[in-house]
Amino acid sequence: MTPLRYTPYILAQERTLDSLDMIDDTDLAARASLALEDVPLIRPVLDKIADKWTILILIVLCAEPVRFNELKRRLNGITHKSLADALKRLERDGFISRKVLPTLPPGVEYAITPLGYSLRQPFEELCLWANEHQRELGGS
């Protein structure tokens, strides 16, 4: 019988898992159990913040208030409709505020609220993680 051969990818995964400073298994099991119990409470919140553009919109707005077209430019690839819909939803949910500017024609500026700003750190960490692991996940 031929011995099972590991591919370089599997060996790299094992080395990565061996080198992780992970919480012991009992802590992980307890945290997983609590998270599963809280799914009815957690899911509606995650549904509000974990879509394709929300994280990026909030990250841009954390730095400074931005007008619609500038936000659209920074989020290269978002459609006008997708951005408008996302901004309406984020304003309705209390993550951002909308201010009509006294210009001709009237301009609109979007800013982060304290609730939206409270997501800054986890979103920045998620973006850092995505940047570090994009190649492993098939990103360009």
N, C-alpha and C. Protein backbone atom coordinates (compact mmCIF):
# COMPACT_ATOMS: atom_id res chain seq x y z
N MET A 1 0.84 -1.18 0.00
CA MET A 1 0.00 0.00 0.00
C MET A 1 0.89 1.24 0.00
N THR A 2 0.56 2.21 -0.84
CA THR A 2 1.34 3.44 -0.97
C THR A 2 0.99 4.37 0.19
N PRO A 3 2.03 4.94 0.85
CA PRO A 3 1.73 5.86 1.95
C PRO A 3 1.06 7.13 1.42
N LEU A 4 0.23 7.71 2.26
CA LEU A 4 -0.46 8.95 1.92
C LEU A 4 0.58 10.07 1.82
N ARG A 5 0.57 10.77 0.73
CA ARG A 5 1.52 11.87 0.54
C ARG A 5 0.80 13.20 0.77
N TYR A 6 1.45 14.04 1.51
CA TYR A 6 0.92 15.37 1.73
C TYR A 6 1.34 16.29 0.59
N THR A 7 0.44 17.11 0.17
CA THR A 7 0.80 18.12 -0.81
C THR A 7 1.46 19.28 -0.07
N PRO A 8 2.22 20.11 -0.77
CA PRO A 8 2.81 21.28 -0.10
C PRO A 8 1.75 22.15 0.57
N TYR A 9 0.56 22.23 -0.04
CA TYR A 9 -0.51 23.05 0.53
C TYR A 9 -0.93 22.50 1.90
N ILE A 10 -1.12 21.17 2.00
CA ILE A 10 -1.52 20.56 3.27
C ILE A 10 -0.42 20.72 4.31
N LEU A 11 0.84 20.55 3.91
CA LEU A 11 1.95 20.74 4.85
C LEU A 11 1.97 22.17 5.36
N ALA A 12 1.73 23.14 4.48
CA ALA A 12 1.72 24.55 4.89
C ALA A 12 0.58 24.80 5.88
N GLN A 13 -0.58 24.18 5.62
CA GLN A 13 -1.70 24.33 6.54
C GLN A 13 -1.35 23.77 7.91
N GLU A 14 -0.73 22.59 7.95
CA GLU A 14 -0.38 21.98 9.22
C GLU A 14 0.62 22.85 9.97
N ARG A 15 1.62 23.36 9.28
CA ARG A 15 2.59 24.24 9.94
C ARG A 15 1.90 25.48 10.49
N THR A 16 0.96 26.02 9.73
CA THR A 16 0.23 27.20 10.18
C THR A 16 -0.59 26.88 11.42
N LEU A 17 -1.31 25.76 11.39
CA LEU A 17 -2.11 25.39 12.55
C LEU A 17 -1.25 25.11 13.77
N ASP A 18 -0.09 24.48 13.56
CA ASP A 18 0.81 24.19 14.67
C ASP A 18 1.38 25.47 15.28
N SER A 19 1.55 26.50 14.46
CA SER A 19 2.20 27.71 14.95
C SER A 19 1.21 28.72 15.54
N LEU A 20 -0.08 28.49 15.39
CA LEU A 20 -1.06 29.44 15.91
C LEU A 20 -1.08 29.43 17.43
N ASP A 21 -1.20 30.60 17.99
CA ASP A 21 -1.35 30.73 19.43
C ASP A 21 -2.85 30.73 19.70
N MET A 22 -3.44 29.55 19.76
CA MET A 22 -4.88 29.44 19.87
C MET A 22 -5.32 29.23 21.31
N ILE A 23 -6.51 29.68 21.57
CA ILE A 23 -7.14 29.43 22.86
C ILE A 23 -7.33 27.92 22.97
N ASP A 24 -7.25 27.37 24.19
CA ASP A 24 -7.38 25.92 24.27
C ASP A 24 -8.77 25.47 23.85
N ASP A 25 -8.87 24.22 23.47
CA ASP A 25 -10.10 23.68 22.87
C ASP A 25 -11.32 23.84 23.75
N THR A 26 -11.17 23.77 25.07
CA THR A 26 -12.35 23.90 25.93
C THR A 26 -12.90 25.32 25.87
N ASP A 27 -12.01 26.33 25.78
CA ASP A 27 -12.47 27.71 25.63
C ASP A 27 -13.18 27.90 24.29
N LEU A 28 -12.61 27.32 23.24
CA LEU A 28 -13.23 27.43 21.91
C LEU A 28 -14.60 26.78 21.90
N ALA A 29 -14.72 25.62 22.51
CA ALA A 29 -16.01 24.92 22.55
C ALA A 29 -17.04 25.74 23.33
N ALA A 30 -16.61 26.34 24.43
CA ALA A 30 -17.53 27.15 25.23
C ALA A 30 -17.98 28.38 24.44
N ARG A 31 -17.04 29.04 23.77
CA ARG A 31 -17.39 30.22 22.97
C ARG A 31 -18.31 29.85 21.82
N ALA A 32 -18.02 28.74 21.16
CA ALA A 32 -18.87 28.30 20.05
C ALA A 32 -20.27 27.99 20.55
N SER A 33 -20.37 27.35 21.69
CA SER A 33 -21.67 27.01 22.26
C SER A 33 -22.46 28.28 22.57
N LEU A 34 -21.82 29.26 23.18
CA LEU A 34 -22.50 30.52 23.48
C LEU A 34 -22.94 31.23 22.20
N ALA A 35 -22.08 31.24 21.20
CA ALA A 35 -22.43 31.89 19.93
C ALA A 35 -23.64 31.21 19.29
N LEU A 36 -23.68 29.88 19.34
CA LEU A 36 -24.81 29.16 18.74
C LEU A 36 -26.10 29.43 19.50
N GLU A 37 -26.01 29.58 20.81
CA GLU A 37 -27.21 29.91 21.59
C GLU A 37 -27.73 31.30 21.24
N ASP A 38 -26.80 32.19 20.89
CA ASP A 38 -27.16 33.58 20.61
C ASP A 38 -27.47 33.86 19.14
N VAL A 39 -27.51 32.83 18.30
CA VAL A 39 -27.76 33.04 16.87
C VAL A 39 -29.01 33.88 16.62
N PRO A 40 -30.12 33.62 17.32
CA PRO A 40 -31.30 34.45 17.05
C PRO A 40 -31.08 35.94 17.34
N LEU A 41 -30.15 36.25 18.25
CA LEU A 41 -29.85 37.65 18.55
C LEU A 41 -28.77 38.20 17.63
N ILE A 42 -27.79 37.38 17.28
CA ILE A 42 -26.64 37.82 16.50
C ILE A 42 -26.96 37.96 15.01
N ARG A 43 -27.71 37.03 14.48
CA ARG A 43 -27.94 37.02 13.03
C ARG A 43 -28.55 38.30 12.47
N PRO A 44 -29.60 38.84 13.10
CA PRO A 44 -30.16 40.08 12.55
C PRO A 44 -29.15 41.24 12.54
N VAL A 45 -28.26 41.27 13.53
CA VAL A 45 -27.23 42.31 13.57
C VAL A 45 -26.24 42.09 12.44
N LEU A 46 -25.77 40.86 12.28
CA LEU A 46 -24.82 40.56 11.21
C LEU A 46 -25.43 40.81 9.84
N ASP A 47 -26.71 40.55 9.68
CA ASP A 47 -27.38 40.83 8.41
C ASP A 47 -27.31 42.31 8.04
N LYS A 48 -27.25 43.19 9.05
CA LYS A 48 -27.19 44.63 8.80
C LYS A 48 -25.79 45.11 8.42
N ILE A 49 -24.75 44.40 8.88
CA ILE A 49 -23.39 44.93 8.70
C ILE A 49 -22.48 44.07 7.83
N ALA A 50 -22.91 42.89 7.47
CA ALA A 50 -21.99 41.96 6.79
C ALA A 50 -22.35 41.71 5.33
N ASP A 51 -22.70 42.77 4.62
CA ASP A 51 -22.97 42.57 3.19
C ASP A 51 -21.76 43.04 2.37
N LYS A 52 -21.92 43.04 1.08
CA LYS A 52 -20.80 43.28 0.18
C LYS A 52 -20.13 44.64 0.37
N TRP A 53 -20.91 45.71 0.63
CA TRP A 53 -20.34 47.05 0.64
C TRP A 53 -20.33 47.73 2.01
N THR A 54 -21.12 47.29 2.95
CA THR A 54 -21.28 48.00 4.22
C THR A 54 -19.97 48.22 4.95
N ILE A 55 -19.16 47.20 5.07
CA ILE A 55 -17.90 47.32 5.80
C ILE A 55 -17.03 48.41 5.15
N LEU A 56 -16.92 48.38 3.84
CA LEU A 56 -16.08 49.36 3.15
C LEU A 56 -16.65 50.77 3.25
N ILE A 57 -17.95 50.91 3.16
CA ILE A 57 -18.58 52.23 3.31
C ILE A 57 -18.27 52.80 4.69
N LEU A 58 -18.46 51.99 5.73
CA LEU A 58 -18.22 52.48 7.09
C LEU A 58 -16.75 52.79 7.33
N ILE A 59 -15.86 52.01 6.75
CA ILE A 59 -14.43 52.29 6.91
C ILE A 59 -14.08 53.65 6.29
N VAL A 60 -14.61 53.92 5.11
CA VAL A 60 -14.35 55.22 4.47
C VAL A 60 -14.90 56.36 5.33
N LEU A 61 -16.10 56.19 5.85
CA LEU A 61 -16.74 57.26 6.62
C LEU A 61 -16.14 57.44 8.01
N CYS A 62 -15.42 56.43 8.52
CA CYS A 62 -14.77 56.58 9.83
C CYS A 62 -13.74 57.70 9.82
N ALA A 63 -13.08 57.89 8.71
CA ALA A 63 -12.01 58.88 8.62
C ALA A 63 -12.55 60.31 8.59
N GLU A 64 -13.63 60.52 7.84
CA GLU A 64 -14.17 61.87 7.68
C GLU A 64 -15.51 61.80 6.96
N PRO A 65 -16.34 62.83 7.13
CA PRO A 65 -17.58 62.89 6.35
C PRO A 65 -17.24 62.99 4.87
N VAL A 66 -18.08 62.37 4.03
CA VAL A 66 -17.80 62.31 2.59
C VAL A 66 -19.11 62.52 1.83
N ARG A 67 -18.99 63.21 0.70
CA ARG A 67 -20.14 63.39 -0.18
C ARG A 67 -20.33 62.14 -1.03
N PHE A 68 -21.53 62.00 -1.58
CA PHE A 68 -21.91 60.78 -2.31
C PHE A 68 -20.92 60.43 -3.42
N ASN A 69 -20.63 61.37 -4.32
CA ASN A 69 -19.77 61.04 -5.46
C ASN A 69 -18.34 60.70 -5.04
N GLU A 70 -17.83 61.36 -4.00
CA GLU A 70 -16.50 61.03 -3.50
C GLU A 70 -16.49 59.61 -2.91
N LEU A 71 -17.53 59.27 -2.20
CA LEU A 71 -17.66 57.92 -1.65
C LEU A 71 -17.72 56.89 -2.78
N LYS A 72 -18.47 57.19 -3.81
CA LYS A 72 -18.58 56.29 -4.96
C LYS A 72 -17.22 56.10 -5.64
N ARG A 73 -16.44 57.19 -5.77
CA ARG A 73 -15.09 57.09 -6.35
C ARG A 73 -14.18 56.21 -5.50
N ARG A 74 -14.24 56.39 -4.20
CA ARG A 74 -13.37 55.61 -3.30
C ARG A 74 -13.73 54.12 -3.30
N LEU A 75 -15.00 53.84 -3.52
CA LEU A 75 -15.47 52.44 -3.55
C LEU A 75 -15.53 51.96 -4.98
N ASN A 76 -14.47 52.07 -5.68
CA ASN A 76 -14.38 51.70 -7.08
C ASN A 76 -15.14 50.40 -7.35
N GLY A 77 -16.17 50.48 -8.19
CA GLY A 77 -16.91 49.28 -8.56
C GLY A 77 -18.33 49.24 -8.05
N ILE A 78 -18.68 50.09 -7.10
CA ILE A 78 -20.06 50.09 -6.59
C ILE A 78 -20.93 50.89 -7.57
N THR A 79 -22.13 50.41 -7.80
CA THR A 79 -23.05 51.13 -8.69
C THR A 79 -23.73 52.25 -7.91
N HIS A 80 -24.25 53.21 -8.64
CA HIS A 80 -24.98 54.33 -8.03
C HIS A 80 -26.14 53.80 -7.17
N LYS A 81 -26.91 52.87 -7.74
CA LYS A 81 -28.07 52.32 -7.02
C LYS A 81 -27.65 51.55 -5.77
N SER A 82 -26.61 50.73 -5.88
CA SER A 82 -26.15 49.96 -4.71
C SER A 82 -25.69 50.88 -3.59
N LEU A 83 -24.97 51.94 -3.95
CA LEU A 83 -24.50 52.87 -2.94
C LEU A 83 -25.67 53.62 -2.31
N ALA A 84 -26.58 54.11 -3.14
CA ALA A 84 -27.75 54.83 -2.62
C ALA A 84 -28.56 53.95 -1.67
N ASP A 85 -28.80 52.71 -2.07
CA ASP A 85 -29.56 51.78 -1.22
C ASP A 85 -28.84 51.50 0.09
N ALA A 86 -27.53 51.27 0.00
CA ALA A 86 -26.75 50.98 1.21
C ALA A 86 -26.75 52.17 2.16
N LEU A 87 -26.58 53.37 1.62
CA LEU A 87 -26.57 54.56 2.47
C LEU A 87 -27.92 54.78 3.15
N LYS A 88 -29.01 54.57 2.43
CA LYS A 88 -30.35 54.69 3.04
C LYS A 88 -30.51 53.70 4.19
N ARG A 89 -30.08 52.46 3.94
CA ARG A 89 -30.20 51.42 4.96
C ARG A 89 -29.34 51.73 6.18
N LEU A 90 -28.09 52.17 5.93
CA LEU A 90 -27.18 52.48 7.03
C LEU A 90 -27.67 53.67 7.85
N GLU A 91 -28.28 54.64 7.16
CA GLU A 91 -28.85 55.78 7.89
C GLU A 91 -30.05 55.32 8.72
N ARG A 92 -30.93 54.53 8.13
CA ARG A 92 -32.11 54.02 8.84
C ARG A 92 -31.71 53.22 10.07
N ASP A 93 -30.61 52.43 9.95
CA ASP A 93 -30.18 51.58 11.07
C ASP A 93 -29.32 52.33 12.10
N GLY A 94 -29.00 53.60 11.83
CA GLY A 94 -28.29 54.41 12.81
C GLY A 94 -26.77 54.36 12.74
N PHE A 95 -26.21 53.79 11.65
CA PHE A 95 -24.76 53.69 11.52
C PHE A 95 -24.13 54.96 10.92
N ILE A 96 -24.92 55.69 10.13
CA ILE A 96 -24.41 56.92 9.52
C ILE A 96 -25.47 58.00 9.63
N SER A 97 -25.03 59.25 9.44
CA SER A 97 -25.97 60.38 9.37
C SER A 97 -25.83 61.04 8.01
N ARG A 98 -26.87 61.73 7.61
CA ARG A 98 -26.93 62.40 6.31
C ARG A 98 -27.21 63.87 6.56
N LYS A 99 -26.38 64.71 5.97
CA LYS A 99 -26.53 66.15 6.16
C LYS A 99 -26.64 66.82 4.79
N VAL A 100 -27.71 67.59 4.59
CA VAL A 100 -27.89 68.34 3.35
C VAL A 100 -27.09 69.63 3.48
N LEU A 101 -26.22 69.88 2.52
CA LEU A 101 -25.35 71.05 2.55
C LEU A 101 -26.02 72.22 1.85
N PRO A 102 -25.81 73.42 2.37
CA PRO A 102 -26.46 74.61 1.77
C PRO A 102 -25.69 75.11 0.55
N THR A 103 -25.65 74.30 -0.49
CA THR A 103 -24.96 74.66 -1.73
C THR A 103 -25.96 74.63 -2.87
N LEU A 104 -25.57 75.18 -3.99
CA LEU A 104 -26.40 75.10 -5.19
C LEU A 104 -25.65 74.31 -6.24
N PRO A 105 -26.16 73.21 -6.72
CA PRO A 105 -27.33 72.51 -6.18
C PRO A 105 -27.02 71.93 -4.81
N PRO A 106 -28.07 71.61 -4.05
CA PRO A 106 -27.83 71.09 -2.70
C PRO A 106 -26.97 69.82 -2.74
N GLY A 107 -26.00 69.77 -1.86
CA GLY A 107 -25.14 68.59 -1.74
C GLY A 107 -25.52 67.80 -0.50
N VAL A 108 -25.08 66.58 -0.45
CA VAL A 108 -25.35 65.73 0.71
C VAL A 108 -24.03 65.14 1.17
N GLU A 109 -23.84 65.18 2.48
CA GLU A 109 -22.63 64.64 3.07
C GLU A 109 -23.03 63.56 4.07
N TYR A 110 -22.27 62.45 4.05
CA TYR A 110 -22.54 61.34 4.95
C TYR A 110 -21.42 61.26 5.98
N ALA A 111 -21.80 60.98 7.22
CA ALA A 111 -20.82 60.89 8.31
C ALA A 111 -21.15 59.68 9.18
N ILE A 112 -20.15 59.19 9.85
CA ILE A 112 -20.30 58.05 10.74
C ILE A 112 -20.97 58.53 12.05
N THR A 113 -21.79 57.70 12.64
CA THR A 113 -22.36 57.98 13.96
C THR A 113 -21.53 57.24 15.01
N PRO A 114 -21.75 57.51 16.28
CA PRO A 114 -21.03 56.74 17.30
C PRO A 114 -21.26 55.23 17.17
N LEU A 115 -22.48 54.82 16.83
CA LEU A 115 -22.75 53.39 16.64
C LEU A 115 -21.91 52.84 15.48
N GLY A 116 -21.89 53.53 14.37
CA GLY A 116 -21.07 53.10 13.23
C GLY A 116 -19.60 53.09 13.57
N TYR A 117 -19.15 54.10 14.30
CA TYR A 117 -17.73 54.20 14.66
C TYR A 117 -17.31 53.05 15.58
N SER A 118 -18.24 52.53 16.35
CA SER A 118 -17.91 51.42 17.25
C SER A 118 -17.50 50.17 16.48
N LEU A 119 -17.79 50.12 15.18
CA LEU A 119 -17.39 48.99 14.33
C LEU A 119 -16.02 49.19 13.68
N ARG A 120 -15.41 50.34 13.86
CA ARG A 120 -14.13 50.66 13.22
C ARG A 120 -13.07 49.61 13.49
N GLN A 121 -12.82 49.31 14.74
CA GLN A 121 -11.73 48.38 15.06
C GLN A 121 -11.97 46.98 14.50
N PRO A 122 -13.13 46.35 14.72
CA PRO A 122 -13.30 45.01 14.13
C PRO A 122 -13.26 45.02 12.60
N PHE A 123 -13.77 46.07 11.97
CA PHE A 123 -13.74 46.13 10.51
C PHE A 123 -12.31 46.32 10.00
N GLU A 124 -11.53 47.16 10.68
CA GLU A 124 -10.13 47.33 10.27
C GLU A 124 -9.37 46.02 10.42
N GLU A 125 -9.62 45.30 11.51
CA GLU A 125 -8.97 44.00 11.71
C GLU A 125 -9.37 43.02 10.61
N LEU A 126 -10.65 43.02 10.25
CA LEU A 126 -11.12 42.13 9.19
C LEU A 126 -10.46 42.49 7.86
N CYS A 127 -10.32 43.77 7.56
CA CYS A 127 -9.66 44.18 6.32
C CYS A 127 -8.18 43.81 6.32
N LEU A 128 -7.51 43.96 7.46
CA LEU A 128 -6.11 43.55 7.56
C LEU A 128 -5.99 42.05 7.32
N TRP A 129 -6.88 41.28 7.92
CA TRP A 129 -6.86 39.82 7.74
C TRP A 129 -7.08 39.49 6.27
N ALA A 130 -8.05 40.14 5.64
CA ALA A 130 -8.35 39.88 4.23
C ALA A 130 -7.13 40.20 3.36
N ASN A 131 -6.45 41.28 3.66
CA ASN A 131 -5.27 41.65 2.90
C ASN A 131 -4.15 40.62 3.07
N GLU A 132 -3.96 40.15 4.29
CA GLU A 132 -2.91 39.17 4.57
C GLU A 132 -3.19 37.80 3.94
N HIS A 133 -4.44 37.45 3.78
CA HIS A 133 -4.80 36.10 3.33
C HIS A 133 -5.43 36.05 1.95
N GLN A 134 -5.43 37.16 1.23
CA GLN A 134 -6.10 37.20 -0.06
C GLN A 134 -5.53 36.18 -1.05
N ARG A 135 -4.23 35.96 -1.03
CA ARG A 135 -3.64 34.99 -1.98
C ARG A 135 -4.07 33.58 -1.65
N GLU A 136 -4.16 33.26 -0.37
CA GLU A 136 -4.58 31.91 0.03
C GLU A 136 -6.02 31.64 -0.38
N LEU A 137 -6.81 32.71 -0.45
CA LEU A 137 -8.22 32.57 -0.77
C LEU A 137 -8.52 32.77 -2.25
N GLY A 138 -7.46 32.87 -3.05
CA GLY A 138 -7.67 33.00 -4.49
C GLY A 138 -7.86 34.41 -4.96
N GLY A 139 -7.57 35.39 -4.11
CA GLY A 139 -7.66 36.79 -4.55
C GLY A 139 -6.48 37.12 -5.44
N SER A 140 -6.57 38.25 -6.09
CA SER A 140 -5.48 38.65 -6.99
C SER A 140 -4.41 39.41 -6.28
